[in-house]
Amino acid sequence: MKIPALLLALLTGVAVAASPPTSHAATWDCEVPPGLRPALDELTGRHRLAGAAVEVADPTCGRWTYKSGQADLRTGRPMSAEDRLRIGSITKTFTAATVLQLADRGGLSLDASVEHYLPGLVQGNGYDGHDITVRELLQHTSGLPDHGDSLAAADIDWLRHHRFTPRELVKRALKLPPPKGTWHYSTTNYILAGLVIEKVTGHSAEKEISRRIIKPLKLRDTYWPGNSEHILGPHSRSYFTTERVDGTEWNTSAGGVGGALISTPRDVNKFFAALLNGRLLSASRLAEMRNTVPGDPDRLGPDGRYGLGLITSPLSCGGHWTGHTGSVRGGHNNISAVASDGRQVTLVINESPTTDASTTALIAAVDTALCAKRASG
């Protein structure tokens, strides 16, 4: 079985951004942001996605959750915001934060070349690691293609069980032609960043990210699955294609430290709050992380920008959100976004959207949560 072209476009880990929807003028009474419940119900109703769940975290109002639809279509078990899921490319922000911590402590230089840390690995077919910096890996300005493109026509039954190594993924990418433009979203960049972490620390990137990020923040539902195809603990099933094929059991080694983490909306919100509030990095390194460049409009929308593992996108009420999006081929998709006032939303669905309308509705739901005005304000 092969993945349809439209679905493949949604599996890069970056949701296609639409123009911001009309701003919601209603106020939030700290129980439910106006319009968010119907927005999630629209995802599972009109757009026929299996399930959707959200956690909103607000500095004034605390935490609030809502869910719609089903976590398991076979049993009818309802969706839950406490369920674990595969967070896809939100993993990239964890990896970027770890690289920046190492830079903070003098362990590496963001402006050193890939060749310096990984001699001979990025060579051939017009690619040269001497000309690519660690910063460019994190920013997706390296000029490297995405190894995922080499798997576009792969048989799914083979793909979901195959165990990839990071160096195997890099070799696949280097056989591809160079992408067009100065910015190109490529998970291969983060596979290489993980190998840099390993080179500098002497430990696997997964171990370092766990030691520096996951354990100190007590993200108890966040873990690396390794080569296991299963999700431990309570979790939603995940579905892909219009036939709703169950893709829950999947070896996600093709994503590696660019897309393999398992987590929950609460843990993801806790991570972004700690990161953006300066608990993980020095002020100067966080500023570097938040320094963005224009992204590909087809990936991030006309005003979407990318920093070092962070996306920014405009809000209908003014300003922008900062965070990341994530998706996996098996069907889990999510967006985690933080507004300038500190309000956060992590919204998850357990079925790959296969229409532009459903993707736009997903982004609009995030905007609804972040743009509702507080009753006091």
Protein backbone atom coordinates (compact mmCIF):
# COMPACT_ATOMS: atom_id res chain seq x y z
CA MET A 1 0.00 0.00 0.00
CA LYS A 2 1.34 3.46 -0.89
CA ILE A 3 0.57 6.87 0.59
CA PRO A 4 -1.55 9.24 -1.51
CA ALA A 5 0.27 12.40 -2.59
CA LEU A 6 -1.96 14.73 -0.56
CA LEU A 7 -1.45 12.73 2.61
CA LEU A 8 2.29 12.68 2.05
CA ALA A 9 2.32 16.47 1.89
CA LEU A 10 0.78 16.58 5.36
CA LEU A 11 3.32 14.20 6.85
CA THR A 12 6.29 16.55 6.83
CA GLY A 13 5.63 17.66 10.38
CA VAL A 14 4.51 21.15 9.42
CA ALA A 15 0.84 21.84 8.92
CA VAL A 16 0.05 24.05 5.94
CA ALA A 17 -0.84 27.44 7.38
CA ALA A 18 -3.86 29.33 6.12
CA SER A 19 -4.66 33.00 6.41
CA PRO A 20 -5.75 33.80 9.99
CA PRO A 21 -9.52 33.40 10.49
CA THR A 22 -11.77 36.19 11.66
CA SER A 23 -10.96 37.20 15.24
CA HIS A 24 -13.34 36.10 18.00
CA ALA A 25 -14.59 39.08 20.00
CA ALA A 26 -16.27 37.10 22.81
CA THR A 27 -14.58 37.03 26.22
CA TRP A 28 -13.27 33.99 28.05
CA ASP A 29 -14.65 33.35 31.54
CA CYS A 30 -11.80 30.93 32.36
CA GLU A 31 -13.97 27.88 31.82
CA VAL A 32 -13.94 27.52 28.05
CA PRO A 33 -12.55 29.76 25.31
CA PRO A 34 -15.59 30.75 23.19
CA GLY A 35 -15.90 28.82 19.98
CA LEU A 36 -13.37 26.13 20.86
CA ARG A 37 -15.87 23.38 21.62
CA PRO A 38 -17.73 23.83 18.33
CA ALA A 39 -14.37 24.10 16.53
CA LEU A 40 -13.33 20.65 17.80
CA ASP A 41 -16.79 19.24 17.16
CA GLU A 42 -16.50 20.53 13.59
CA LEU A 43 -13.27 18.58 13.16
CA THR A 44 -14.94 15.31 14.15
CA GLY A 45 -18.33 16.16 12.63
CA ARG A 46 -18.18 18.12 9.40
CA HIS A 47 -14.60 17.03 8.62
CA ARG A 48 -15.18 13.47 9.86
CA LEU A 49 -11.88 13.09 11.72
CA ALA A 50 -11.92 10.28 14.26
CA GLY A 51 -11.05 12.28 17.37
CA ALA A 52 -9.73 15.62 18.60
CA ALA A 53 -8.55 16.81 22.01
CA VAL A 54 -7.05 19.99 23.39
CA GLU A 55 -5.40 21.36 26.49
CA VAL A 56 -5.36 25.12 27.00
CA ALA A 57 -2.97 26.51 29.62
CA ASP A 58 -3.38 30.13 30.66
CA PRO A 59 -1.30 32.13 33.20
CA THR A 60 -4.49 33.51 34.77
CA CYS A 61 -7.02 30.76 34.27
CA GLY A 62 -4.98 27.60 34.73
CA ARG A 63 -5.53 24.51 32.56
CA TRP A 64 -8.62 23.41 30.67
CA THR A 65 -9.30 20.44 28.40
CA TYR A 66 -11.93 19.38 25.93
CA LYS A 67 -12.30 16.40 23.64
CA SER A 68 -14.50 15.34 20.76
CA GLY A 69 -14.89 12.09 18.87
CA GLN A 70 -13.31 8.72 19.46
CA ALA A 71 -9.85 7.56 20.49
CA ASP A 72 -10.63 4.04 19.27
CA LEU A 73 -13.08 3.49 16.44
CA ARG A 74 -13.31 -0.24 17.14
CA THR A 75 -14.37 0.06 20.77
CA GLY A 76 -15.94 3.52 20.66
CA ARG A 77 -13.70 4.76 23.51
CA PRO A 78 -13.92 8.56 23.61
CA MET A 79 -10.96 10.81 22.91
CA SER A 80 -9.05 12.16 25.93
CA ALA A 81 -6.58 15.02 26.33
CA GLU A 82 -4.69 12.80 28.80
CA ASP A 83 -3.92 10.12 26.21
CA ARG A 84 -0.43 9.66 24.86
CA LEU A 85 0.24 10.08 21.15
CA ARG A 86 3.12 10.37 18.70
CA ILE A 87 4.02 14.08 18.54
CA GLY A 88 5.99 13.91 15.30
CA SER A 89 8.04 17.00 14.48
CA ILE A 90 7.39 18.71 17.79
CA THR A 91 10.31 16.44 18.67
CA LYS A 92 12.49 18.86 16.68
CA THR A 93 12.03 21.58 19.28
CA PHE A 94 13.31 19.22 22.02
CA THR A 95 16.35 18.44 19.88
CA ALA A 96 17.02 22.10 19.06
CA ALA A 97 16.79 23.04 22.75
CA THR A 98 19.37 20.36 23.59
CA VAL A 99 21.79 21.61 20.92
CA LEU A 100 21.39 25.15 22.25
CA GLN A 101 22.02 23.96 25.82
CA LEU A 102 25.28 22.43 24.66
CA ALA A 103 26.14 25.71 22.93
CA ASP A 104 25.24 27.58 26.13
CA ARG A 105 27.76 25.52 28.05
CA GLY A 106 30.48 25.81 25.40
CA GLY A 107 30.08 22.24 24.24
CA LEU A 108 29.61 23.15 20.60
CA SER A 109 29.45 26.07 18.23
CA LEU A 110 26.30 26.75 16.22
CA ASP A 111 28.46 28.25 13.49
CA ALA A 112 30.87 25.34 13.21
CA SER A 113 30.49 23.18 10.14
CA VAL A 114 28.82 19.79 9.99
CA GLU A 115 32.12 18.50 8.61
CA HIS A 116 33.86 19.62 11.82
CA TYR A 117 31.67 17.33 13.93
CA LEU A 118 30.85 14.60 11.41
CA PRO A 119 33.82 14.36 9.04
CA GLY A 120 33.09 12.77 5.71
CA LEU A 121 29.41 12.09 6.38
CA VAL A 122 27.87 14.84 4.23
CA GLN A 123 29.80 14.54 0.99
CA GLY A 124 28.94 13.75 -2.61
CA ASN A 125 26.21 14.46 -5.15
CA GLY A 126 26.94 18.18 -4.82
CA TYR A 127 26.62 18.25 -1.01
CA ASP A 128 29.51 19.29 1.23
CA GLY A 129 29.41 19.35 5.02
CA HIS A 130 32.12 22.04 5.02
CA ASP A 131 29.49 24.48 3.71
CA ILE A 132 26.73 23.69 6.24
CA THR A 133 26.65 24.91 9.84
CA VAL A 134 24.86 23.46 12.84
CA ARG A 135 22.71 26.61 12.93
CA GLU A 136 21.61 25.99 9.35
CA LEU A 137 20.56 22.45 10.26
CA LEU A 138 18.28 23.71 13.01
CA GLN A 139 16.92 26.51 10.82
CA HIS A 140 16.31 24.36 7.71
CA THR A 141 18.59 26.55 5.62
CA SER A 142 21.22 23.84 5.02
CA GLY A 143 20.17 23.12 1.44
CA LEU A 144 19.76 19.43 2.23
CA PRO A 145 16.79 17.39 0.98
CA ASP A 146 14.49 15.38 3.24
CA HIS A 147 15.14 11.66 3.39
CA GLY A 148 11.39 11.20 3.73
CA ASP A 149 11.06 12.04 0.05
CA SER A 150 13.00 8.87 -0.75
CA LEU A 151 10.31 6.89 1.08
CA ALA A 152 7.35 8.47 -0.72
CA ALA A 153 6.64 5.39 -2.82
CA ALA A 154 7.64 2.83 -0.20
CA ASP A 155 5.26 0.03 0.67
CA ILE A 156 3.62 1.00 3.96
CA ASP A 157 3.70 -2.51 5.37
CA TRP A 158 7.49 -2.50 4.88
CA LEU A 159 7.92 1.07 6.07
CA ARG A 160 6.05 0.69 9.35
CA HIS A 161 8.23 -2.27 10.41
CA HIS A 162 11.65 -1.25 9.06
CA ARG A 163 14.35 -0.22 11.52
CA PHE A 164 16.30 2.75 10.17
CA THR A 165 19.61 4.02 11.49
CA PRO A 166 20.45 7.75 11.41
CA ARG A 167 23.33 7.25 8.98
CA GLU A 168 21.11 5.20 6.70
CA LEU A 169 18.65 8.09 6.59
CA VAL A 170 21.41 10.58 5.79
CA LYS A 171 22.65 8.40 2.92
CA ARG A 172 19.12 8.25 1.52
CA ALA A 173 18.85 12.04 1.60
CA LEU A 174 22.18 12.61 -0.14
CA LYS A 175 21.05 10.58 -3.13
CA LEU A 176 18.22 13.06 -3.77
CA PRO A 177 18.50 16.22 -5.88
CA PRO A 178 18.93 19.51 -3.99
CA PRO A 179 15.74 21.34 -3.01
CA LYS A 180 14.81 24.69 -4.48
CA GLY A 181 14.98 27.89 -2.47
CA THR A 182 17.02 28.96 0.54
CA TRP A 183 14.64 27.42 3.12
CA HIS A 184 13.55 23.81 2.88
CA TYR A 185 11.93 21.76 5.64
CA SER A 186 14.00 18.60 6.07
CA THR A 187 13.95 16.10 8.91
CA THR A 188 17.40 15.03 7.72
CA ASN A 189 18.69 18.29 9.22
CA TYR A 190 17.62 17.08 12.65
CA ILE A 191 18.95 13.56 12.13
CA LEU A 192 22.32 15.24 11.58
CA ALA A 193 21.82 17.50 14.61
CA GLY A 194 21.26 14.35 16.66
CA LEU A 195 24.52 12.88 15.39
CA VAL A 196 26.28 16.13 16.37
CA ILE A 197 24.87 15.77 19.90
CA GLU A 198 26.17 12.21 20.00
CA LYS A 199 29.61 13.27 18.78
CA VAL A 200 29.92 16.09 21.33
CA THR A 201 28.57 14.25 24.38
CA GLY A 202 29.52 10.65 23.72
CA HIS A 203 25.92 9.65 24.38
CA SER A 204 22.98 9.05 22.09
CA ALA A 205 20.93 12.15 21.31
CA GLU A 206 17.88 10.46 22.83
CA LYS A 207 19.73 9.96 26.12
CA GLU A 208 20.94 13.57 26.19
CA ILE A 209 17.50 14.99 25.40
CA SER A 210 16.01 12.86 28.17
CA ARG A 211 18.70 13.90 30.65
CA ARG A 212 18.61 17.61 29.84
CA ILE A 213 14.93 18.19 29.01
CA ILE A 214 12.50 15.38 29.74
CA LYS A 215 13.67 14.32 33.22
CA PRO A 216 14.33 17.79 34.72
CA LEU A 217 10.88 18.98 33.60
CA LYS A 218 9.29 15.77 34.96
CA LEU A 219 7.56 15.04 31.68
CA ARG A 220 6.36 11.64 32.89
CA ASP A 221 4.36 10.79 29.78
CA THR A 222 7.12 11.70 27.32
CA TYR A 223 9.50 9.00 26.15
CA TRP A 224 11.44 7.58 23.22
CA PRO A 225 9.90 4.42 21.75
CA GLY A 226 13.17 3.23 20.21
CA ASN A 227 12.36 0.45 17.76
CA SER A 228 9.15 -0.53 19.53
CA GLU A 229 6.09 -0.23 17.34
CA HIS A 230 3.77 0.17 20.34
CA ILE A 231 2.72 3.11 22.51
CA LEU A 232 2.90 2.37 26.23
CA GLY A 233 0.11 3.38 28.60
CA PRO A 234 -3.25 4.99 27.75
CA HIS A 235 -3.17 6.31 24.18
CA SER A 236 -5.40 7.07 21.25
CA ARG A 237 -5.35 4.87 18.20
CA SER A 238 -4.32 6.65 15.00
CA TYR A 239 -5.71 6.42 11.49
CA PHE A 240 -4.60 7.44 8.02
CA THR A 241 -5.98 7.51 4.47
CA THR A 242 -9.66 7.94 3.66
CA GLU A 243 -10.14 4.23 4.44
CA ARG A 244 -9.07 4.90 8.05
CA VAL A 245 -6.30 2.35 8.13
CA ASP A 246 -5.05 1.87 11.72
CA GLY A 247 -1.47 3.14 11.91
CA THR A 248 -0.98 3.02 15.67
CA GLU A 249 1.66 0.28 15.62
CA TRP A 250 4.59 1.81 13.78
CA ASN A 251 8.37 1.87 14.02
CA THR A 252 9.13 5.60 13.90
CA SER A 253 12.91 5.31 13.53
CA ALA A 254 12.56 7.14 10.20
CA GLY A 255 11.79 10.24 12.29
CA GLY A 256 14.49 9.72 14.91
CA VAL A 257 15.24 12.84 16.95
CA GLY A 258 13.36 14.77 14.29
CA GLY A 259 10.02 13.08 14.91
CA ALA A 260 9.82 9.99 17.15
CA LEU A 261 8.82 11.22 20.62
CA ILE A 262 5.64 10.06 22.35
CA SER A 263 3.98 12.51 24.74
CA THR A 264 0.70 14.11 25.88
CA PRO A 265 -0.78 17.60 25.40
CA ARG A 266 0.00 18.44 29.04
CA ASP A 267 3.65 17.45 28.79
CA VAL A 268 4.06 19.33 25.52
CA ASN A 269 2.53 22.46 27.05
CA LYS A 270 4.84 22.14 30.07
CA PHE A 271 7.85 21.84 27.77
CA PHE A 272 7.03 24.93 25.70
CA ALA A 273 6.24 26.96 28.83
CA ALA A 274 9.61 26.06 30.35
CA LEU A 275 11.45 26.73 27.11
CA LEU A 276 9.87 30.09 26.27
CA ASN A 277 9.99 31.28 29.89
CA GLY A 278 13.75 30.85 29.94
CA ARG A 279 14.07 27.81 32.21
CA LEU A 280 16.11 25.75 29.72
CA LEU A 281 18.36 28.28 28.00
CA SER A 282 20.15 31.54 28.66
CA ALA A 283 18.38 34.68 27.46
CA SER A 284 20.85 35.10 24.61
CA ARG A 285 20.46 31.52 23.36
CA LEU A 286 16.66 31.71 23.60
CA ALA A 287 16.80 34.91 21.56
CA GLU A 288 18.81 33.06 18.91
CA MET A 289 16.27 30.26 18.91
CA ARG A 290 13.45 32.77 18.40
CA ASN A 291 15.24 34.65 15.62
CA THR A 292 13.29 33.56 12.55
CA VAL A 293 13.64 33.56 8.79
CA PRO A 294 10.86 33.36 6.20
CA GLY A 295 9.72 29.82 5.51
CA ASP A 296 8.29 28.26 2.39
CA PRO A 297 4.77 29.73 1.99
CA ASP A 298 3.53 26.34 0.79
CA ARG A 299 4.59 24.86 4.14
CA LEU A 300 4.19 27.69 6.65
CA GLY A 301 1.76 30.04 4.93
CA PRO A 302 2.55 33.49 3.52
CA ASP A 303 3.66 34.92 6.88
CA GLY A 304 5.02 31.79 8.56
CA ARG A 305 8.61 31.96 9.81
CA TYR A 306 11.09 29.48 11.27
CA GLY A 307 13.74 29.91 13.97
CA LEU A 308 15.92 27.21 15.51
CA GLY A 309 13.29 24.53 15.99
CA LEU A 310 10.45 27.04 16.41
CA ILE A 311 7.64 28.14 14.08
CA THR A 312 5.91 31.51 14.29
CA SER A 313 2.58 32.17 12.60
CA PRO A 314 0.17 35.15 12.75
CA LEU A 315 -3.00 35.25 14.83
CA SER A 316 -6.28 36.84 13.75
CA CYS A 317 -6.29 39.01 16.89
CA GLY A 318 -2.83 40.43 16.19
CA GLY A 319 0.61 39.21 17.06
CA HIS A 320 1.59 35.63 16.44
CA TRP A 321 1.94 32.24 18.05
CA THR A 322 5.23 30.48 18.63
CA GLY A 323 5.55 26.71 18.77
CA HIS A 324 5.67 23.76 16.39
CA THR A 325 3.49 21.28 14.60
CA GLY A 326 3.88 17.55 14.28
CA SER A 327 2.49 14.59 12.41
CA VAL A 328 3.36 10.99 11.72
CA ARG A 329 2.42 8.71 8.87
CA GLY A 330 0.27 6.57 11.11
CA GLY A 331 -2.21 9.39 11.69
CA HIS A 332 -1.41 11.40 14.84
CA ASN A 333 -1.27 15.16 14.13
CA ASN A 334 -0.82 18.01 16.59
CA ILE A 335 -0.10 21.72 16.98
CA SER A 336 1.41 23.32 20.07
CA ALA A 337 1.28 27.11 20.11
CA VAL A 338 2.00 29.87 22.62
CA ALA A 339 0.69 33.44 22.32
CA SER A 340 2.63 36.50 23.48
CA ASP A 341 0.52 36.71 26.67
CA GLY A 342 1.62 33.21 27.68
CA ARG A 343 -1.59 31.39 26.83
CA GLN A 344 -0.88 27.98 25.33
CA VAL A 345 -2.79 25.42 23.35
CA THR A 346 -1.84 21.93 22.29
CA LEU A 347 -4.43 20.43 19.96
CA VAL A 348 -4.24 16.83 18.78
CA ILE A 349 -6.15 14.72 16.29
CA ASN A 350 -5.80 11.00 15.73
CA GLU A 351 -6.51 10.87 12.03
CA SER A 352 -4.51 12.42 9.21
CA PRO A 353 -6.49 15.23 7.56
CA THR A 354 -6.81 14.56 3.85
CA THR A 355 -8.37 17.86 2.71
CA ASP A 356 -7.22 21.47 2.77
CA ALA A 357 -10.47 22.35 4.54
CA SER A 358 -9.81 20.03 7.46
CA THR A 359 -6.22 21.31 7.82
CA THR A 360 -7.48 24.90 7.78
CA ALA A 361 -10.10 24.03 10.42
CA LEU A 362 -7.37 22.57 12.65
CA ILE A 363 -5.35 25.79 12.47
CA ALA A 364 -8.49 27.90 12.99
CA ALA A 365 -9.25 25.99 16.20
CA VAL A 366 -5.82 26.93 17.56
CA ASP A 367 -6.47 30.57 16.66
CA THR A 368 -9.84 30.40 18.43
CA ALA A 369 -8.22 29.20 21.65
CA LEU A 370 -5.46 31.82 21.62
CA CYS A 371 -7.55 34.81 20.55
CA ALA A 372 -10.44 34.57 23.04
CA LYS A 373 -10.24 37.62 25.30
CA ARG A 374 -10.24 37.16 29.07
CA ALA A 375 -13.37 38.41 30.80
CA SER A 376 -11.19 40.59 33.02
CA GLY A 377 -9.34 42.12 30.22
